[in-house]
Amino acid sequence: AEKQIKVLDCANVATSFPGFVDLARHCGIQVQEE
């Protein structure tokens, strides 16, 4: 991407992938929770 992407309503990620944000950051994806 060229600009920031804000992804809304992500609580349901926990249904299939607990710890997704931590693992994504660990491997290099620059994502934060709001």
Full PDB file with SEQRES, HELIX, SHEET, SSBOND, CRYST1, ORIGX, SCALE, CONECT and MASTER records, all heavy atoms in Angstrom:
SEQRES   1 A   34  ALA GLU LYS GLN ILE LYS VAL LEU ASP CYS ALA ASN VAL          
SEQRES   2 A   34  ALA THR SER PHE PRO GLY PHE VAL ASP LEU ALA ARG HIS          
SEQRES   3 A   34  CYS GLY ILE GLN VAL GLN GLU GLU                              
HELIX    1 AA1 ALA A   11  THR A   15  5                                   5    
HELIX    2 AA2 PHE A   20  CYS A   27  1                                   8    
CRYST1    1.000    1.000    1.000  90.00  90.00  90.00 P 1           1          
ORIGX1      1.000000  0.000000  0.000000        0.00000                         
ORIGX2      0.000000  1.000000  0.000000        0.00000                         
ORIGX3      0.000000  0.000000  1.000000        0.00000                         
SCALE1      1.000000  0.000000  0.000000        0.00000                         
SCALE2      0.000000  1.000000  0.000000        0.00000                         
SCALE3      0.000000  0.000000  1.000000        0.00000                         
ATOM      1  N   ALA A   1       0.828  -1.204   0.000  1.00  0.00           N  
ATOM      2  CA  ALA A   1       0.000   0.000   0.000  1.00  0.00           C  
ATOM      3  C   ALA A   1       0.863   1.255   0.000  1.00  0.00           C  
ATOM      4  O   ALA A   1       2.005   1.255   0.470  1.00  0.00           O  
ATOM      5  CB  ALA A   1      -0.926   0.009   1.213  1.00  0.00           C  
ATOM      6  N   GLU A   2       0.299   2.339  -0.529  1.00  0.00           N  
ATOM      7  CA  GLU A   2       0.973   3.636  -0.526  1.00  0.00           C  
ATOM      8  C   GLU A   2       0.586   4.454   0.700  1.00  0.00           C  
ATOM      9  O   GLU A   2       1.338   5.317   1.138  1.00  0.00           O  
ATOM     10  CB  GLU A   2       0.595   4.428  -1.778  1.00  0.00           C  
ATOM     11  CG  GLU A   2       1.092   3.816  -3.072  1.00  0.00           C  
ATOM     12  CD  GLU A   2       0.624   4.591  -4.290  1.00  0.00           C  
ATOM     13  OE1 GLU A   2      -0.484   5.182  -4.239  1.00  0.00           O  
ATOM     14  OE2 GLU A   2       1.378   4.606  -5.270  1.00  0.00           O  
ATOM     15  N   LYS A   3      -0.603   4.166   1.249  1.00  0.00           N  
ATOM     16  CA  LYS A   3      -1.095   4.922   2.388  1.00  0.00           C  
ATOM     17  C   LYS A   3      -1.618   3.955   3.454  1.00  0.00           C  
ATOM     18  O   LYS A   3      -1.789   2.760   3.204  1.00  0.00           O  
ATOM     19  CB  LYS A   3      -2.215   5.876   1.950  1.00  0.00           C  
ATOM     20  CG  LYS A   3      -1.781   6.916   0.922  1.00  0.00           C  
ATOM     21  CD  LYS A   3      -2.970   7.798   0.523  1.00  0.00           C  
ATOM     22  CE  LYS A   3      -2.564   8.819  -0.521  1.00  0.00           C  
ATOM     23  NZ  LYS A   3      -3.711   9.668  -0.950  1.00  0.00           N  
ATOM     24  N   GLN A   4      -1.877   4.511   4.607  1.00  0.00           N  
ATOM     25  CA  GLN A   4      -2.374   3.707   5.725  1.00  0.00           C  
ATOM     26  C   GLN A   4      -3.734   3.092   5.416  1.00  0.00           C  
ATOM     27  O   GLN A   4      -4.594   3.727   4.810  1.00  0.00           O  
ATOM     28  CB  GLN A   4      -2.477   4.605   6.959  1.00  0.00           C  
ATOM     29  CG  GLN A   4      -3.079   3.930   8.188  1.00  0.00           C  
ATOM     30  CD  GLN A   4      -3.184   4.887   9.357  1.00  0.00           C  
ATOM     31  OE1 GLN A   4      -2.202   5.187  10.011  1.00  0.00           O  
ATOM     32  NE2 GLN A   4      -4.384   5.388   9.624  1.00  0.00           N  
ATOM     33  N   ILE A   5      -3.923   1.851   5.838  1.00  0.00           N  
ATOM     34  CA  ILE A   5      -5.212   1.165   5.712  1.00  0.00           C  
ATOM     35  C   ILE A   5      -5.777   0.950   7.116  1.00  0.00           C  
ATOM     36  O   ILE A   5      -5.102   0.383   7.977  1.00  0.00           O  
ATOM     37  CB  ILE A   5      -5.075  -0.191   4.996  1.00  0.00           C  
ATOM     38  CG1 ILE A   5      -4.545   0.011   3.575  1.00  0.00           C  
ATOM     39  CG2 ILE A   5      -6.417  -0.931   4.967  1.00  0.00           C  
ATOM     40  CD1 ILE A   5      -4.261  -1.295   2.839  1.00  0.00           C  
ATOM     41  N   LYS A   6      -6.982   1.431   7.336  1.00  0.00           N  
ATOM     42  CA  LYS A   6      -7.670   1.207   8.612  1.00  0.00           C  
ATOM     43  C   LYS A   6      -8.738   0.150   8.394  1.00  0.00           C  
ATOM     44  O   LYS A   6      -9.637   0.327   7.577  1.00  0.00           O  
ATOM     45  CB  LYS A   6      -8.294   2.501   9.131  1.00  0.00           C  
ATOM     46  CG  LYS A   6      -8.944   2.351  10.511  1.00  0.00           C  
ATOM     47  CD  LYS A   6      -9.385   3.702  11.067  1.00  0.00           C  
ATOM     48  CE  LYS A   6      -9.928   3.571  12.480  1.00  0.00           C  
ATOM     49  NZ  LYS A   6     -10.305   4.900  13.053  1.00  0.00           N  
ATOM     50  N   VAL A   7      -8.616  -0.942   9.119  1.00  0.00           N  
ATOM     51  CA  VAL A   7      -9.547  -2.065   8.975  1.00  0.00           C  
ATOM     52  C   VAL A   7     -10.479  -2.054  10.187  1.00  0.00           C  
ATOM     53  O   VAL A   7     -10.030  -2.202  11.328  1.00  0.00           O  
ATOM     54  CB  VAL A   7      -8.787  -3.404   8.883  1.00  0.00           C  
ATOM     55  CG1 VAL A   7      -9.744  -4.538   8.543  1.00  0.00           C  
ATOM     56  CG2 VAL A   7      -7.671  -3.321   7.842  1.00  0.00           C  
ATOM     57  N   LEU A   8     -11.765  -1.875   9.943  1.00  0.00           N  
ATOM     58  CA  LEU A   8     -12.732  -1.683  11.022  1.00  0.00           C  
ATOM     59  C   LEU A   8     -13.293  -3.007  11.538  1.00  0.00           C  
ATOM     60  O   LEU A   8     -13.421  -3.983  10.799  1.00  0.00           O  
ATOM     61  CB  LEU A   8     -13.885  -0.799  10.532  1.00  0.00           C  
ATOM     62  CG  LEU A   8     -13.504   0.558   9.930  1.00  0.00           C  
ATOM     63  CD1 LEU A   8     -14.746   1.274   9.417  1.00  0.00           C  
ATOM     64  CD2 LEU A   8     -12.774   1.418  10.948  1.00  0.00           C  
ATOM     65  N   ASP A   9     -13.641  -3.027  12.813  1.00  0.00           N  
ATOM     66  CA  ASP A   9     -14.376  -4.149  13.429  1.00  0.00           C  
ATOM     67  C   ASP A   9     -13.644  -5.479  13.256  1.00  0.00           C  
ATOM     68  O   ASP A   9     -14.103  -6.382  12.554  1.00  0.00           O  
ATOM     69  CB  ASP A   9     -15.790  -4.247  12.855  1.00  0.00           C  
ATOM     70  CG  ASP A   9     -16.622  -3.010  13.160  1.00  0.00           C  
ATOM     71  OD1 ASP A   9     -16.422  -2.438  14.235  1.00  0.00           O  
ATOM     72  OD2 ASP A   9     -17.442  -2.617  12.315  1.00  0.00           O  
ATOM     73  N   CYS A  10     -12.516  -5.609  13.944  1.00  0.00           N  
ATOM     74  CA  CYS A  10     -11.671  -6.801  13.790  1.00  0.00           C  
ATOM     75  C   CYS A  10     -11.723  -7.745  14.991  1.00  0.00           C  
ATOM     76  O   CYS A  10     -10.915  -8.668  15.078  1.00  0.00           O  
ATOM     77  CB  CYS A  10     -10.224  -6.373  13.546  1.00  0.00           C  
ATOM     78  SG  CYS A  10      -9.995  -5.328  12.094  1.00  0.00           S  
ATOM     79  N   ALA A  11     -12.654  -7.533  15.929  1.00  0.00           N  
ATOM     80  CA  ALA A  11     -12.695  -8.380  17.125  1.00  0.00           C  
ATOM     81  C   ALA A  11     -12.868  -9.852  16.773  1.00  0.00           C  
ATOM     82  O   ALA A  11     -12.340 -10.735  17.456  1.00  0.00           O  
ATOM     83  CB  ALA A  11     -13.828  -7.928  18.049  1.00  0.00           C  
ATOM     84  N   ASN A  12     -13.592 -10.128  15.678  1.00  0.00           N  
ATOM     85  CA  ASN A  12     -13.866 -11.523  15.330  1.00  0.00           C  
ATOM     86  C   ASN A  12     -12.658 -12.275  14.797  1.00  0.00           C  
ATOM     87  O   ASN A  12     -12.748 -13.478  14.544  1.00  0.00           O  
ATOM     88  CB  ASN A  12     -15.008 -11.599  14.301  1.00  0.00           C  
ATOM     89  CG  ASN A  12     -16.372 -11.575  14.969  1.00  0.00           C  
ATOM     90  OD1 ASN A  12     -16.482 -11.882  16.147  1.00  0.00           O  
ATOM     91  ND2 ASN A  12     -17.391 -11.215  14.233  1.00  0.00           N  
ATOM     92  N   VAL A  13     -11.516 -11.603  14.615  1.00  0.00           N  
ATOM     93  CA  VAL A  13     -10.301 -12.330  14.228  1.00  0.00           C  
ATOM     94  C   VAL A  13      -9.990 -13.409  15.260  1.00  0.00           C  
ATOM     95  O   VAL A  13      -9.441 -14.468  14.935  1.00  0.00           O  
ATOM     96  CB  VAL A  13      -9.116 -11.353  14.063  1.00  0.00           C  
ATOM     97  CG1 VAL A  13      -7.789 -12.094  13.953  1.00  0.00           C  
ATOM     98  CG2 VAL A  13      -9.327 -10.492  12.816  1.00  0.00           C  
ATOM     99  N   ALA A  14     -10.373 -13.159  16.516  1.00  0.00           N  
ATOM    100  CA  ALA A  14     -10.139 -14.146  17.573  1.00  0.00           C  
ATOM    101  C   ALA A  14     -10.904 -15.437  17.355  1.00  0.00           C  
ATOM    102  O   ALA A  14     -10.588 -16.448  17.989  1.00  0.00           O  
ATOM    103  CB  ALA A  14     -10.515 -13.552  18.932  1.00  0.00           C  
ATOM    104  N   THR A  15     -11.894 -15.445  16.472  1.00  0.00           N  
ATOM    105  CA  THR A  15     -12.638 -16.684  16.222  1.00  0.00           C  
ATOM    106  C   THR A  15     -11.753 -17.756  15.602  1.00  0.00           C  
ATOM    107  O   THR A  15     -11.940 -18.938  15.846  1.00  0.00           O  
ATOM    108  CB  THR A  15     -13.849 -16.438  15.300  1.00  0.00           C  
ATOM    109  OG1 THR A  15     -13.384 -15.996  14.022  1.00  0.00           O  
ATOM    110  CG2 THR A  15     -14.777 -15.394  15.880  1.00  0.00           C  
ATOM    111  N   SER A  16     -10.788 -17.350  14.762  1.00  0.00           N  
ATOM    112  CA  SER A  16      -9.983 -18.351  14.065  1.00  0.00           C  
ATOM    113  C   SER A  16      -8.492 -18.188  14.264  1.00  0.00           C  
ATOM    114  O   SER A  16      -7.738 -19.132  14.055  1.00  0.00           O  
ATOM    115  CB  SER A  16     -10.276 -18.298  12.559  1.00  0.00           C  
ATOM    116  OG  SER A  16      -9.820 -17.072  11.997  1.00  0.00           O  
ATOM    117  N   PHE A  17      -8.031 -16.974  14.650  1.00  0.00           N  
ATOM    118  CA  PHE A  17      -6.591 -16.731  14.679  1.00  0.00           C  
ATOM    119  C   PHE A  17      -6.228 -15.876  15.887  1.00  0.00           C  
ATOM    120  O   PHE A  17      -5.843 -14.713  15.753  1.00  0.00           O  
ATOM    121  CB  PHE A  17      -6.158 -16.030  13.395  1.00  0.00           C  
ATOM    122  CG  PHE A  17      -4.694 -16.211  13.043  1.00  0.00           C  
ATOM    123  CD1 PHE A  17      -4.296 -16.353  11.722  1.00  0.00           C  
ATOM    124  CD2 PHE A  17      -3.706 -16.219  14.025  1.00  0.00           C  
ATOM    125  CE1 PHE A  17      -2.962 -16.508  11.386  1.00  0.00           C  
ATOM    126  CE2 PHE A  17      -2.373 -16.382  13.711  1.00  0.00           C  
ATOM    127  CZ  PHE A  17      -1.994 -16.514  12.387  1.00  0.00           C  
ATOM    128  N   PRO A  18      -6.301 -16.445  17.106  1.00  0.00           N  
ATOM    129  CA  PRO A  18      -5.842 -15.685  18.274  1.00  0.00           C  
ATOM    130  C   PRO A  18      -4.360 -15.362  18.121  1.00  0.00           C  
ATOM    131  O   PRO A  18      -3.575 -16.189  17.680  1.00  0.00           O  
ATOM    132  CB  PRO A  18      -6.097 -16.654  19.437  1.00  0.00           C  
ATOM    133  CG  PRO A  18      -6.148 -18.017  18.815  1.00  0.00           C  
ATOM    134  CD  PRO A  18      -6.717 -17.821  17.443  1.00  0.00           C  
ATOM    135  N   GLY A  19      -3.979 -14.149  18.443  1.00  0.00           N  
ATOM    136  CA  GLY A  19      -2.583 -13.754  18.335  1.00  0.00           C  
ATOM    137  C   GLY A  19      -2.150 -13.335  16.950  1.00  0.00           C  
ATOM    138  O   GLY A  19      -0.953 -13.201  16.681  1.00  0.00           O  
ATOM    139  N   PHE A  20      -3.111 -13.070  16.053  1.00  0.00           N  
ATOM    140  CA  PHE A  20      -2.760 -12.708  14.672  1.00  0.00           C  
ATOM    141  C   PHE A  20      -1.898 -11.454  14.611  1.00  0.00           C  
ATOM    142  O   PHE A  20      -0.876 -11.417  13.913  1.00  0.00           O  
ATOM    143  CB  PHE A  20      -4.033 -12.501  13.847  1.00  0.00           C  
ATOM    144  CG  PHE A  20      -3.781 -11.850  12.507  1.00  0.00           C  
ATOM    145  CD1 PHE A  20      -3.199 -12.559  11.470  1.00  0.00           C  
ATOM    146  CD2 PHE A  20      -4.118 -10.509  12.289  1.00  0.00           C  
ATOM    147  CE1 PHE A  20      -2.950 -11.962  10.237  1.00  0.00           C  
ATOM    148  CE2 PHE A  20      -3.880  -9.907  11.063  1.00  0.00           C  
ATOM    149  CZ  PHE A  20      -3.290 -10.634  10.041  1.00  0.00           C  
ATOM    150  N   VAL A  21      -2.281 -10.421  15.342  1.00  0.00           N  
ATOM    151  CA  VAL A  21      -1.543  -9.159  15.267  1.00  0.00           C  
ATOM    152  C   VAL A  21      -0.105  -9.338  15.757  1.00  0.00           C  
ATOM    153  O   VAL A  21       0.841  -8.849  15.142  1.00  0.00           O  
ATOM    154  CB  VAL A  21      -2.273  -8.060  16.066  1.00  0.00           C  
ATOM    155  CG1 VAL A  21      -1.384  -6.829  16.250  1.00  0.00           C  
ATOM    156  CG2 VAL A  21      -3.561  -7.668  15.352  1.00  0.00           C  
ATOM    157  N   ASP A  22       0.067 -10.062  16.849  1.00  0.00           N  
ATOM    158  CA  ASP A  22       1.423 -10.279  17.375  1.00  0.00           C  
ATOM    159  C   ASP A  22       2.288 -11.031  16.369  1.00  0.00           C  
ATOM    160  O   ASP A  22       3.458 -10.677  16.149  1.00  0.00           O  
ATOM    161  CB  ASP A  22       1.358 -11.060  18.687  1.00  0.00           C  
ATOM    162  CG  ASP A  22       0.786 -10.232  19.832  1.00  0.00           C  
ATOM    163  OD1 ASP A  22       0.797  -8.991  19.723  1.00  0.00           O  
ATOM    164  OD2 ASP A  22       0.316 -10.832  20.815  1.00  0.00           O  
ATOM    165  N   LEU A  23       1.734 -12.070  15.761  1.00  0.00           N  
ATOM    166  CA  LEU A  23       2.507 -12.851  14.794  1.00  0.00           C  
ATOM    167  C   LEU A  23       2.782 -12.036  13.534  1.00  0.00           C  
ATOM    168  O   LEU A  23       3.885 -12.098  12.965  1.00  0.00           O  
ATOM    169  CB  LEU A  23       1.756 -14.144  14.442  1.00  0.00           C  
ATOM    170  CG  LEU A  23       2.532 -15.162  13.595  1.00  0.00           C  
ATOM    171  CD1 LEU A  23       3.853 -15.530  14.257  1.00  0.00           C  
ATOM    172  CD2 LEU A  23       1.689 -16.414  13.373  1.00  0.00           C  
ATOM    173  N   ALA A  24       1.798 -11.257  13.094  1.00  0.00           N  
ATOM    174  CA  ALA A  24       1.987 -10.410  11.915  1.00  0.00           C  
ATOM    175  C   ALA A  24       3.118  -9.412  12.147  1.00  0.00           C  
ATOM    176  O   ALA A  24       3.991  -9.221  11.284  1.00  0.00           O  
ATOM    177  CB  ALA A  24       0.684  -9.686  11.574  1.00  0.00           C  
ATOM    178  N   ARG A  25       3.118  -8.778  13.318  1.00  0.00           N  
ATOM    179  CA  ARG A  25       4.188  -7.822  13.620  1.00  0.00           C  
ATOM    180  C   ARG A  25       5.540  -8.527  13.715  1.00  0.00           C  
ATOM    181  O   ARG A  25       6.565  -7.992  13.290  1.00  0.00           O  
ATOM    182  CB  ARG A  25       3.879  -7.087  14.932  1.00  0.00           C  
ATOM    183  CG  ARG A  25       2.785  -6.041  14.804  1.00  0.00           C  
ATOM    184  CD  ARG A  25       2.883  -5.011  15.918  1.00  0.00           C  
ATOM    185  NE  ARG A  25       2.617  -5.612  17.220  1.00  0.00           N  
ATOM    186  CZ  ARG A  25       1.507  -5.411  17.912  1.00  0.00           C  
ATOM    187  NH1 ARG A  25       0.539  -4.658  17.416  1.00  0.00           N  
ATOM    188  NH2 ARG A  25       1.345  -5.963  19.089  1.00  0.00           N  
ATOM    189  N   HIS A  26       5.536  -9.726  14.278  1.00  0.00           N  
ATOM    190  CA  HIS A  26       6.777 -10.482  14.457  1.00  0.00           C  
ATOM    191  C   HIS A  26       7.472 -10.761  13.124  1.00  0.00           C  
ATOM    192  O   HIS A  26       8.703 -10.710  13.041  1.00  0.00           O  
ATOM    193  CB  HIS A  26       6.475 -11.809  15.170  1.00  0.00           C  
ATOM    194  CG  HIS A  26       7.647 -12.727  15.273  1.00  0.00           C  
ATOM    195  ND1 HIS A  26       8.679 -12.517  16.152  1.00  0.00           N  
ATOM    196  CD2 HIS A  26       7.956 -13.874  14.582  1.00  0.00           C  
ATOM    197  CE1 HIS A  26       9.579 -13.488  16.007  1.00  0.00           C  
ATOM    198  NE2 HIS A  26       9.161 -14.313  15.075  1.00  0.00           N  
ATOM    199  N   CYS A  27       6.663 -11.013  12.099  1.00  0.00           N  
ATOM    200  CA  CYS A  27       7.283 -11.347  10.810  1.00  0.00           C  
ATOM    201  C   CYS A  27       7.457 -10.123   9.912  1.00  0.00           C  
ATOM    202  O   CYS A  27       8.033 -10.242   8.825  1.00  0.00           O  
ATOM    203  CB  CYS A  27       6.505 -12.443  10.098  1.00  0.00           C  
ATOM    204  SG  CYS A  27       4.943 -11.916   9.387  1.00  0.00           S  
ATOM    205  N   GLY A  28       6.960  -8.941  10.336  1.00  0.00           N  
ATOM    206  CA  GLY A  28       7.268  -7.740   9.576  1.00  0.00           C  
ATOM    207  C   GLY A  28       6.100  -6.880   9.140  1.00  0.00           C  
ATOM    208  O   GLY A  28       6.300  -5.777   8.616  1.00  0.00           O  
ATOM    209  N   ILE A  29       4.855  -7.335   9.320  1.00  0.00           N  
ATOM    210  CA  ILE A  29       3.701  -6.516   8.938  1.00  0.00           C  
ATOM    211  C   ILE A  29       3.497  -5.439   9.999  1.00  0.00           C  
ATOM    212  O   ILE A  29       3.458  -5.720  11.187  1.00  0.00           O  
ATOM    213  CB  ILE A  29       2.434  -7.379   8.796  1.00  0.00           C  
ATOM    214  CG1 ILE A  29       2.641  -8.456   7.724  1.00  0.00           C  
ATOM    215  CG2 ILE A  29       1.225  -6.521   8.447  1.00  0.00           C  
ATOM    216  CD1 ILE A  29       1.495  -9.440   7.608  1.00  0.00           C  
ATOM    217  N   GLN A  30       3.375  -4.197   9.554  1.00  0.00           N  
ATOM    218  CA  GLN A  30       3.281  -3.070  10.481  1.00  0.00           C  
ATOM    219  C   GLN A  30       1.807  -2.772  10.784  1.00  0.00           C  
ATOM    220  O   GLN A  30       1.159  -1.991  10.090  1.00  0.00           O  
ATOM    221  CB  GLN A  30       3.977  -1.847   9.879  1.00  0.00           C  
ATOM    222  CG  GLN A  30       5.460  -2.102   9.599  1.00  0.00           C  
ATOM    223  CD  GLN A  30       6.138  -0.909   8.962  1.00  0.00           C  
ATOM    224  OE1 GLN A  30       6.051   0.202   9.478  1.00  0.00           O  
ATOM    225  NE2 GLN A  30       6.820  -1.136   7.849  1.00  0.00           N  
ATOM    226  N   VAL A  31       1.300  -3.413  11.819  1.00  0.00           N  
ATOM    227  CA  VAL A  31      -0.111  -3.274  12.169  1.00  0.00           C  
ATOM    228  C   VAL A  31      -0.243  -3.073  13.670  1.00  0.00           C  
ATOM    229  O   VAL A  31       0.486  -3.679  14.459  1.00  0.00           O  
ATOM    230  CB  VAL A  31      -0.933  -4.511  11.706  1.00  0.00           C  
ATOM    231  CG1 VAL A  31      -0.375  -5.794  12.298  1.00  0.00           C  
ATOM    232  CG2 VAL A  31      -2.409  -4.352  12.052  1.00  0.00           C  
ATOM    233  N   GLN A  32      -1.174  -2.211  14.048  1.00  0.00           N  
ATOM    234  CA  GLN A  32      -1.457  -1.949  15.455  1.00  0.00           C  
ATOM    235  C   GLN A  32      -2.960  -2.088  15.700  1.00  0.00           C  
ATOM    236  O   GLN A  32      -3.770  -1.869  14.797  1.00  0.00           O  
ATOM    237  CB  GLN A  32      -1.015  -0.528  15.841  1.00  0.00           C  
ATOM    238  CG  GLN A  32       0.454  -0.238  15.621  1.00  0.00           C  
ATOM    239  CD  GLN A  32       1.353  -0.993  16.566  1.00  0.00           C  
ATOM    240  OE1 GLN A  32       0.957  -1.295  17.693  1.00  0.00           O  
ATOM    241  NE2 GLN A  32       2.571  -1.294  16.119  1.00  0.00           N  
ATOM    242  N   GLU A  33      -3.316  -2.433  16.930  1.00  0.00           N  
ATOM    243  CA  GLU A  33      -4.727  -2.483  17.315  1.00  0.00           C  
ATOM    244  C   GLU A  33      -5.170  -1.134  17.860  1.00  0.00           C  
ATOM    245  O   GLU A  33      -4.431  -0.464  18.569  1.00  0.00           O  
ATOM    246  CB  GLU A  33      -4.967  -3.551  18.389  1.00  0.00           C  
ATOM    247  CG  GLU A  33      -4.884  -4.968  17.883  1.00  0.00           C  
ATOM    248  CD  GLU A  33      -5.283  -5.979  18.941  1.00  0.00           C  
ATOM    249  OE1 GLU A  33      -5.287  -5.613  20.131  1.00  0.00           O  
ATOM    250  OE2 GLU A  33      -5.578  -7.112  18.575  1.00  0.00           O  
ATOM    251  N   GLU A  34      -6.393  -0.767  17.529  1.00  0.00           N  
ATOM    252  CA  GLU A  34      -7.026   0.432  18.073  1.00  0.00           C  
ATOM    253  C   GLU A  34      -8.324  -0.012  18.738  1.00  0.00           C  
ATOM    254  O   GLU A  34      -9.222  -0.520  18.081  1.00  0.00           O  
ATOM    255  CB  GLU A  34      -7.316   1.429  16.950  1.00  0.00           C  
ATOM    256  CG  GLU A  34      -8.068   2.666  17.407  1.00  0.00           C  
ATOM    257  CD  GLU A  34      -8.498   3.530  16.232  1.00  0.00           C  
ATOM    258  OE1 GLU A  34      -9.502   3.183  15.582  1.00  0.00           O  
ATOM    259  OE2 GLU A  34      -7.821   4.533  15.964  1.00  0.00           O  
TER     260      GLU A  34                                                      
MASTER        0    0    0    2    0    0    0    6  259    1    0    3          
END                                                                             
